[in-house]
Amino acid sequence: LAETGTAPVRLVKATDERFSSAAETT
């Protein structure tokens, strides 16, 4: 989203863990 979005998106810190589909989508 940071690469293709219309507004700048800066990912400060993020975990690469996977979660449930509903949680990730929300």
PDB file of all heavy atoms in Angstrom:
ATOM      1  N   LEU A   1       0.836  -1.206   0.000  1.00  0.00           N
ATOM      2  CA  LEU A   1       0.000   0.000   0.000  1.00  0.00           C
ATOM      3  C   LEU A   1       0.866   1.249   0.000  1.00  0.00           C
ATOM      4  O   LEU A   1       0.519   2.256  -0.629  1.00  0.00           O
ATOM      5  CB  LEU A   1      -0.923  -0.023   1.218  1.00  0.00           C
ATOM      6  CG  LEU A   1      -1.903   1.147   1.366  1.00  0.00           C
ATOM      7  CD1 LEU A   1      -2.903   1.146   0.221  1.00  0.00           C
ATOM      8  CD2 LEU A   1      -2.638   1.068   2.704  1.00  0.00           C
ATOM      9  N   ALA A   2       2.004   1.185   0.686  1.00  0.00           N
ATOM     10  CA  ALA A   2       2.913   2.331   0.698  1.00  0.00           C
ATOM     11  C   ALA A   2       3.487   2.613  -0.687  1.00  0.00           C
ATOM     12  O   ALA A   2       3.795   3.766  -1.027  1.00  0.00           O
ATOM     13  CB  ALA A   2       4.045   2.086   1.696  1.00  0.00           C
ATOM     14  N   GLU A   3       3.619   1.565  -1.506  1.00  0.00           N
ATOM     15  CA  GLU A   3       4.185   1.735  -2.846  1.00  0.00           C
ATOM     16  C   GLU A   3       3.144   2.183  -3.862  1.00  0.00           C
ATOM     17  O   GLU A   3       3.460   2.904  -4.805  1.00  0.00           O
ATOM     18  CB  GLU A   3       4.822   0.420  -3.296  1.00  0.00           C
ATOM     19  CG  GLU A   3       6.000  -0.015  -2.433  1.00  0.00           C
ATOM     20  CD  GLU A   3       6.529  -1.378  -2.851  1.00  0.00           C
ATOM     21  OE1 GLU A   3       5.940  -1.969  -3.783  1.00  0.00           O
ATOM     22  OE2 GLU A   3       7.504  -1.857  -2.241  1.00  0.00           O
ATOM     23  N   THR A   4       1.911   1.751  -3.690  1.00  0.00           N
ATOM     24  CA  THR A   4       0.889   2.009  -4.707  1.00  0.00           C
ATOM     25  C   THR A   4      -0.182   2.999  -4.265  1.00  0.00           C
ATOM     26  O   THR A   4      -0.985   3.436  -5.081  1.00  0.00           O
ATOM     27  CB  THR A   4       0.190   0.699  -5.088  1.00  0.00           C
ATOM     28  OG1 THR A   4      -0.442   0.134  -3.910  1.00  0.00           O
ATOM     29  CG2 THR A   4       1.195  -0.305  -5.642  1.00  0.00           C
ATOM     30  N   GLY A   5      -0.230   3.368  -2.983  1.00  0.00           N
ATOM     31  CA  GLY A   5      -1.280   4.240  -2.489  1.00  0.00           C
ATOM     32  C   GLY A   5      -1.102   5.679  -2.937  1.00  0.00           C
ATOM     33  O   GLY A   5      -0.028   6.117  -3.344  1.00  0.00           O
ATOM     34  N   THR A   6      -2.194   6.426  -2.840  1.00  0.00           N
ATOM     35  CA  THR A   6      -2.158   7.843  -3.239  1.00  0.00           C
ATOM     36  C   THR A   6      -1.510   8.716  -2.180  1.00  0.00           C
ATOM     37  O   THR A   6      -0.999   9.793  -2.498  1.00  0.00           O
ATOM     38  CB  THR A   6      -3.594   8.323  -3.489  1.00  0.00           C
ATOM     39  OG1 THR A   6      -4.374   8.107  -2.305  1.00  0.00           O
ATOM     40  CG2 THR A   6      -4.231   7.554  -4.639  1.00  0.00           C
ATOM     41  N   ALA A   7      -1.546   8.295  -0.912  1.00  0.00           N
ATOM     42  CA  ALA A   7      -0.936   9.069   0.167  1.00  0.00           C
ATOM     43  C   ALA A   7       0.249   8.292   0.731  1.00  0.00           C
ATOM     44  O   ALA A   7       0.253   7.051   0.718  1.00  0.00           O
ATOM     45  CB  ALA A   7      -1.968   9.337   1.272  1.00  0.00           C
ATOM     46  N   PRO A   8       1.260   9.014   1.231  1.00  0.00           N
ATOM     47  CA  PRO A   8       2.429   8.320   1.796  1.00  0.00           C
ATOM     48  C   PRO A   8       2.042   7.456   2.998  1.00  0.00           C
ATOM     49  O   PRO A   8       1.309   7.897   3.876  1.00  0.00           O
ATOM     50  CB  PRO A   8       3.357   9.468   2.209  1.00  0.00           C
ATOM     51  CG  PRO A   8       2.913  10.636   1.404  1.00  0.00           C
ATOM     52  CD  PRO A   8       1.442  10.481   1.220  1.00  0.00           C
ATOM     53  N   VAL A   9       2.556   6.242   3.019  1.00  0.00           N
ATOM     54  CA  VAL A   9       2.326   5.320   4.125  1.00  0.00           C
ATOM     55  C   VAL A   9       3.694   4.892   4.645  1.00  0.00           C
ATOM     56  O   VAL A   9       4.481   4.279   3.917  1.00  0.00           O
ATOM     57  CB  VAL A   9       1.513   4.086   3.690  1.00  0.00           C
ATOM     58  CG1 VAL A   9       1.368   3.113   4.863  1.00  0.00           C
ATOM     59  CG2 VAL A   9       0.151   4.500   3.175  1.00  0.00           C
ATOM     60  N   ARG A  10       3.972   5.219   5.915  1.00  0.00           N
ATOM     61  CA  ARG A  10       5.270   4.878   6.496  1.00  0.00           C
ATOM     62  C   ARG A  10       5.059   3.773   7.538  1.00  0.00           C
ATOM     63  O   ARG A  10       4.319   3.961   8.508  1.00  0.00           O
ATOM     64  CB  ARG A  10       5.916   6.090   7.160  1.00  0.00           C
ATOM     65  CG  ARG A  10       7.325   5.833   7.678  1.00  0.00           C
ATOM     66  CD  ARG A  10       7.989   7.135   8.077  1.00  0.00           C
ATOM     67  NE  ARG A  10       7.383   7.711   9.265  1.00  0.00           N
ATOM     68  CZ  ARG A  10       7.837   7.508  10.514  1.00  0.00           C
ATOM     69  NH1 ARG A  10       8.888   6.721  10.715  1.00  0.00           N
ATOM     70  NH2 ARG A  10       7.239   8.079  11.527  1.00  0.00           N
ATOM     71  N   LEU A  11       5.685   2.632   7.289  1.00  0.00           N
ATOM     72  CA  LEU A  11       5.583   1.504   8.207  1.00  0.00           C
ATOM     73  C   LEU A  11       6.713   1.629   9.229  1.00  0.00           C
ATOM     74  O   LEU A  11       7.874   1.320   8.941  1.00  0.00           O
ATOM     75  CB  LEU A  11       5.672   0.175   7.444  1.00  0.00           C
ATOM     76  CG  LEU A  11       5.348  -1.084   8.235  1.00  0.00           C
ATOM     77  CD1 LEU A  11       3.940  -1.020   8.807  1.00  0.00           C
ATOM     78  CD2 LEU A  11       5.501  -2.325   7.358  1.00  0.00           C
ATOM     79  N   VAL A  12       6.365   2.109  10.427  1.00  0.00           N
ATOM     80  CA  VAL A  12       7.371   2.343  11.456  1.00  0.00           C
ATOM     81  C   VAL A  12       7.929   1.026  11.984  1.00  0.00           C
ATOM     82  O   VAL A  12       9.141   0.822  12.054  1.00  0.00           O
ATOM     83  CB  VAL A  12       6.758   3.163  12.613  1.00  0.00           C
ATOM     84  CG1 VAL A  12       7.791   3.391  13.720  1.00  0.00           C
ATOM     85  CG2 VAL A  12       6.229   4.486  12.096  1.00  0.00           C
ATOM     86  N   LYS A  13       7.061   0.125  12.357  1.00  0.00           N
ATOM     87  CA  LYS A  13       7.463  -1.157  12.901  1.00  0.00           C
ATOM     88  C   LYS A  13       6.333  -2.149  12.670  1.00  0.00           C
ATOM     89  O   LYS A  13       5.162  -1.812  12.835  1.00  0.00           O
ATOM     90  CB  LYS A  13       7.761  -1.045  14.400  1.00  0.00           C
ATOM     91  CG  LYS A  13       8.307  -2.314  15.027  1.00  0.00           C
ATOM     92  CD  LYS A  13       8.611  -2.089  16.511  1.00  0.00           C
ATOM     93  CE  LYS A  13       9.152  -3.349  17.160  1.00  0.00           C
ATOM     94  NZ  LYS A  13       9.429  -3.156  18.612  1.00  0.00           N
ATOM     95  N   ALA A  14       6.698  -3.356  12.299  1.00  0.00           N
ATOM     96  CA  ALA A  14       5.652  -4.345  12.015  1.00  0.00           C
ATOM     97  C   ALA A  14       6.175  -5.745  12.275  1.00  0.00           C
ATOM     98  O   ALA A  14       7.353  -6.044  12.054  1.00  0.00           O
ATOM     99  CB  ALA A  14       5.178  -4.236  10.561  1.00  0.00           C
ATOM    100  N   THR A  15       5.308  -6.589  12.769  1.00  0.00           N
ATOM    101  CA  THR A  15       5.619  -8.009  12.920  1.00  0.00           C
ATOM    102  C   THR A  15       5.224  -8.749  11.661  1.00  0.00           C
ATOM    103  O   THR A  15       4.224  -8.405  11.014  1.00  0.00           O
ATOM    104  CB  THR A  15       4.869  -8.596  14.135  1.00  0.00           C
ATOM    105  OG1 THR A  15       5.098 -10.009  14.182  1.00  0.00           O
ATOM    106  CG2 THR A  15       3.364  -8.373  14.031  1.00  0.00           C
ATOM    107  N   ASP A  16       6.020  -9.739  11.287  1.00  0.00           N
ATOM    108  CA  ASP A  16       5.716 -10.535  10.095  1.00  0.00           C
ATOM    109  C   ASP A  16       4.898 -11.777  10.433  1.00  0.00           C
ATOM    110  O   ASP A  16       4.764 -12.670   9.592  1.00  0.00           O
ATOM    111  CB  ASP A  16       7.022 -10.947   9.406  1.00  0.00           C
ATOM    112  CG  ASP A  16       7.722  -9.765   8.762  1.00  0.00           C
ATOM    113  OD1 ASP A  16       7.011  -8.857   8.267  1.00  0.00           O
ATOM    114  OD2 ASP A  16       8.970  -9.727   8.763  1.00  0.00           O
ATOM    115  N   GLU A  17       4.371 -11.846  11.659  1.00  0.00           N
ATOM    116  CA  GLU A  17       3.533 -12.991  12.028  1.00  0.00           C
ATOM    117  C   GLU A  17       2.255 -12.995  11.199  1.00  0.00           C
ATOM    118  O   GLU A  17       1.779 -11.947  10.750  1.00  0.00           O
ATOM    119  CB  GLU A  17       3.156 -12.922  13.516  1.00  0.00           C
ATOM    120  CG  GLU A  17       4.327 -13.070  14.463  1.00  0.00           C
ATOM    121  CD  GLU A  17       3.850 -13.027  15.919  1.00  0.00           C
ATOM    122  OE1 GLU A  17       3.089 -13.931  16.319  1.00  0.00           O
ATOM    123  OE2 GLU A  17       4.231 -12.085  16.625  1.00  0.00           O
ATOM    124  N   ARG A  18       1.708 -14.184  11.016  1.00  0.00           N
ATOM    125  CA  ARG A  18       0.423 -14.324  10.336  1.00  0.00           C
ATOM    126  C   ARG A  18      -0.681 -14.477  11.372  1.00  0.00           C
ATOM    127  O   ARG A  18      -0.498 -15.124  12.403  1.00  0.00           O
ATOM    128  CB  ARG A  18       0.419 -15.536   9.404  1.00  0.00           C
ATOM    129  CG  ARG A  18       1.375 -15.445   8.245  1.00  0.00           C
ATOM    130  CD  ARG A  18       1.138 -14.196   7.387  1.00  0.00           C
ATOM    131  NE  ARG A  18      -0.222 -14.059   6.917  1.00  0.00           N
ATOM    132  CZ  ARG A  18      -0.658 -14.526   5.743  1.00  0.00           C
ATOM    133  NH1 ARG A  18       0.183 -15.156   4.944  1.00  0.00           N
ATOM    134  NH2 ARG A  18      -1.913 -14.350   5.372  1.00  0.00           N
ATOM    135  N   PHE A  19      -1.830 -13.884  11.087  1.00  0.00           N
ATOM    136  CA  PHE A  19      -2.973 -13.937  11.968  1.00  0.00           C
ATOM    137  C   PHE A  19      -4.171 -14.482  11.198  1.00  0.00           C
ATOM    138  O   PHE A  19      -4.061 -14.835  10.024  1.00  0.00           O
ATOM    139  CB  PHE A  19      -3.267 -12.541  12.537  1.00  0.00           C
ATOM    140  CG  PHE A  19      -2.088 -11.895  13.206  1.00  0.00           C
ATOM    141  CD1 PHE A  19      -1.253 -11.031  12.510  1.00  0.00           C
ATOM    142  CD2 PHE A  19      -1.794 -12.182  14.528  1.00  0.00           C
ATOM    143  CE1 PHE A  19      -0.153 -10.449  13.117  1.00  0.00           C
ATOM    144  CE2 PHE A  19      -0.704 -11.606  15.152  1.00  0.00           C
ATOM    145  CZ  PHE A  19       0.118 -10.749  14.447  1.00  0.00           C
ATOM    146  N   SER A  20      -5.300 -14.533  11.857  1.00  0.00           N
ATOM    147  CA  SER A  20      -6.501 -15.020  11.176  1.00  0.00           C
ATOM    148  C   SER A  20      -6.853 -14.071  10.035  1.00  0.00           C
ATOM    149  O   SER A  20      -6.530 -12.878  10.056  1.00  0.00           O
ATOM    150  CB  SER A  20      -7.665 -15.113  12.156  1.00  0.00           C
ATOM    151  OG  SER A  20      -8.043 -13.826  12.614  1.00  0.00           O
ATOM    152  N   SER A  21      -7.536 -14.615   9.020  1.00  0.00           N
ATOM    153  CA  SER A  21      -7.888 -13.813   7.851  1.00  0.00           C
ATOM    154  C   SER A  21      -8.743 -12.616   8.231  1.00  0.00           C
ATOM    155  O   SER A  21      -8.537 -11.500   7.742  1.00  0.00           O
ATOM    156  CB  SER A  21      -8.635 -14.686   6.836  1.00  0.00           C
ATOM    157  OG  SER A  21      -9.090 -13.920   5.739  1.00  0.00           O
ATOM    158  N   ALA A  22      -9.720 -12.830   9.142  1.00  0.00           N
ATOM    159  CA  ALA A  22     -10.599 -11.727   9.539  1.00  0.00           C
ATOM    160  C   ALA A  22      -9.817 -10.632  10.245  1.00  0.00           C
ATOM    161  O   ALA A  22     -10.036  -9.429  10.003  1.00  0.00           O
ATOM    162  CB  ALA A  22     -11.709 -12.257  10.441  1.00  0.00           C
ATOM    163  N   ALA A  23      -8.884 -11.014  11.134  1.00  0.00           N
ATOM    164  CA  ALA A  23      -8.099 -10.011  11.867  1.00  0.00           C
ATOM    165  C   ALA A  23      -7.191  -9.228  10.916  1.00  0.00           C
ATOM    166  O   ALA A  23      -7.092  -7.998  11.008  1.00  0.00           O
ATOM    167  CB  ALA A  23      -7.280 -10.688  12.957  1.00  0.00           C
ATOM    168  N   GLU A  24      -6.516  -9.940   9.987  1.00  0.00           N
ATOM    169  CA  GLU A  24      -5.617  -9.255   9.058  1.00  0.00           C
ATOM    170  C   GLU A  24      -6.394  -8.327   8.127  1.00  0.00           C
ATOM    171  O   GLU A  24      -5.963  -7.192   7.875  1.00  0.00           O
ATOM    172  CB  GLU A  24      -4.830 -10.279   8.249  1.00  0.00           C
ATOM    173  CG  GLU A  24      -3.770 -11.014   9.049  1.00  0.00           C
ATOM    174  CD  GLU A  24      -2.924 -11.929   8.179  1.00  0.00           C
ATOM    175  OE1 GLU A  24      -3.357 -12.247   7.044  1.00  0.00           O
ATOM    176  OE2 GLU A  24      -1.839 -12.316   8.625  1.00  0.00           O
ATOM    177  N   THR A  25      -7.530  -8.778   7.623  1.00  0.00           N
ATOM    178  CA  THR A  25      -8.318  -7.940   6.717  1.00  0.00           C
ATOM    179  C   THR A  25      -8.816  -6.694   7.428  1.00  0.00           C
ATOM    180  O   THR A  25      -8.763  -5.579   6.891  1.00  0.00           O
ATOM    181  CB  THR A  25      -9.498  -8.746   6.157  1.00  0.00           C
ATOM    182  OG1 THR A  25      -9.009  -9.898   5.476  1.00  0.00           O
ATOM    183  CG2 THR A  25     -10.306  -7.904   5.183  1.00  0.00           C
ATOM    184  N   THR A  26      -9.313  -6.844   8.644  1.00  0.00           N
ATOM    185  CA  THR A  26      -9.817  -5.696   9.393  1.00  0.00           C
ATOM    186  C   THR A  26      -8.701  -4.698   9.674  1.00  0.00           C
ATOM    187  O   THR A  26      -8.881  -3.480   9.517  1.00  0.00           O
ATOM    188  CB  THR A  26     -10.441  -6.168  10.719  1.00  0.00           C
ATOM    189  OG1 THR A  26     -11.492  -7.104  10.434  1.00  0.00           O
ATOM    190  CG2 THR A  26     -11.001  -5.002  11.502  1.00  0.00           C
TER     191      THR A  26
END
